[in-house]
Protein backbone atom coordinates (compact mmCIF):
# COMPACT_ATOMS: atom_id res chain seq x y z
CA ASP A 1 5.85 -8.47 -1.55
CA PHE A 2 9.33 -7.63 -0.22
CA VAL A 3 9.06 -3.98 -1.24
CA ASP A 4 5.45 -3.66 -0.06
CA ILE A 5 6.31 -5.05 3.37
CA LEU A 6 9.24 -2.70 3.87
CA LEU A 7 7.38 0.36 2.59
CA SER A 8 4.37 -0.32 4.81
CA LYS A 9 6.76 -0.73 7.76
CA THR A 10 8.30 2.64 6.89
CA GLN A 11 4.85 4.20 6.70
CA ARG A 12 3.96 2.81 10.15
CA LYS A 13 7.24 3.74 11.87
CA THR A 14 7.75 7.31 10.57
CA PRO A 15 5.58 10.44 10.65
CA THR A 16 3.10 10.65 7.78
CA VAL A 17 1.73 14.21 7.59
CA VAL A 18 3.39 17.33 6.18
CA HIS A 19 1.42 20.47 6.90
CA GLN A 20 1.24 23.40 4.51
CA GLY A 21 2.99 25.89 6.78
CA TYR A 22 6.16 23.85 7.36
CA ALA A 23 9.48 25.41 6.37
CA ILE A 24 11.33 23.77 3.49
CA GLY A 25 14.08 22.56 5.82
CA ARG A 26 11.57 20.76 7.99
CA ILE A 27 9.95 19.13 4.96
CA ARG A 28 13.38 18.04 3.70
CA ARG A 29 14.20 16.48 7.09
CA PHE A 30 10.80 14.76 7.09
CA TYR A 31 11.46 13.04 3.77
CA MET A 32 15.13 12.32 4.48
CA ARG A 33 14.07 10.57 7.67
CA LYS A 34 11.77 8.35 5.60
CA VAL A 35 14.50 7.65 3.04
CA LYS A 36 17.06 6.76 5.72
CA TYR A 37 14.62 4.52 7.56
CA THR A 38 13.75 2.72 4.32
CA GLN A 39 17.43 2.35 3.43
CA GLU A 40 18.20 0.85 6.85
CA ALA A 41 15.28 -1.58 6.55
CA PHE A 42 16.31 -2.71 3.06
CA CYS A 43 19.95 -3.14 4.05
CA GLU A 44 18.96 -5.03 7.19
CA LYS A 45 16.74 -7.46 5.28
CA LEU A 46 19.24 -7.98 2.44
CA SER A 47 22.06 -8.54 4.95
CA TRP A 48 19.91 -11.07 6.76
CA ILE A 49 19.23 -12.91 3.47
CA LEU A 50 22.90 -12.90 2.50
CA ASP A 51 24.06 -14.08 5.93
CA ASP A 52 21.45 -16.82 6.30
CA PHE A 53 21.98 -18.43 2.90
CA PRO A 54 24.36 -21.34 3.27
CA LYS A 55 27.78 -21.05 1.69
CA LEU A 56 28.23 -23.87 -0.82
CA ASP A 57 31.79 -24.50 0.35
CA ASP A 58 30.67 -25.03 3.97
CA ILE A 59 27.81 -27.51 3.47
CA HIS A 60 27.92 -31.29 3.11
CA PRO A 61 29.28 -32.43 -0.29
CA PHE A 62 26.03 -34.29 -1.07
CA LEU A 63 23.97 -31.15 -0.53
CA SER A 64 26.47 -29.11 -2.52
CA ASP A 65 26.20 -31.53 -5.47
CA LEU A 66 22.41 -31.56 -5.18
CA CYS A 67 22.32 -27.77 -5.26
CA ASN A 68 24.62 -27.81 -8.27
CA VAL A 69 22.28 -30.20 -10.11
CA LEU A 70 19.03 -28.44 -9.19
CA TYR A 71 20.30 -24.88 -9.37
CA ASP A 72 23.65 -24.25 -11.01
CA ARG A 73 26.38 -23.23 -8.57
CA ASP A 74 27.42 -20.27 -10.73
CA HIS A 75 23.86 -18.93 -10.90
CA TYR A 76 23.53 -19.30 -7.14
CA LYS A 77 26.72 -17.33 -6.49
CA LEU A 78 25.80 -14.76 -9.14
CA ALA A 79 22.38 -14.20 -7.56
CA LEU A 80 23.90 -13.68 -4.11
CA GLY A 81 26.45 -11.31 -5.62
CA GLN A 82 23.67 -9.33 -7.27
CA LEU A 83 21.90 -9.02 -3.90
CA ASN A 84 25.11 -7.72 -2.35
CA ILE A 85 25.51 -5.17 -5.16
CA CYS A 86 21.87 -4.13 -4.67
CA LYS A 87 22.47 -3.61 -0.95
CA ASN A 88 25.53 -1.45 -1.66
CA LEU A 89 23.67 0.60 -4.27
CA ILE A 90 20.81 1.28 -1.88
CA ALA A 91 23.29 2.49 0.75
CA THR A 92 25.06 4.69 -1.82
CA ILE A 93 21.90 6.27 -3.20
CA SER A 94 20.42 7.13 0.17
């Protein structure tokens, strides 16, 4: 769903037609614009997710212990770290 939402947003917000007579430079700019827009959208959403998730050190000790019981603290931090790596890789590739 996440990918579908962002790709449909890219499709709506950027031009969609490449005509046969366009020069190669214009076609390259067309697709680079789409790639950059998609990269910005992905980074924006991943940054929002990373910023809005509570930090386990800043929440109430009861909630921190509950999170540790329901979902291991190490797995939680590892998952957020993986999202941060993913965001950085997307920025590097584009």
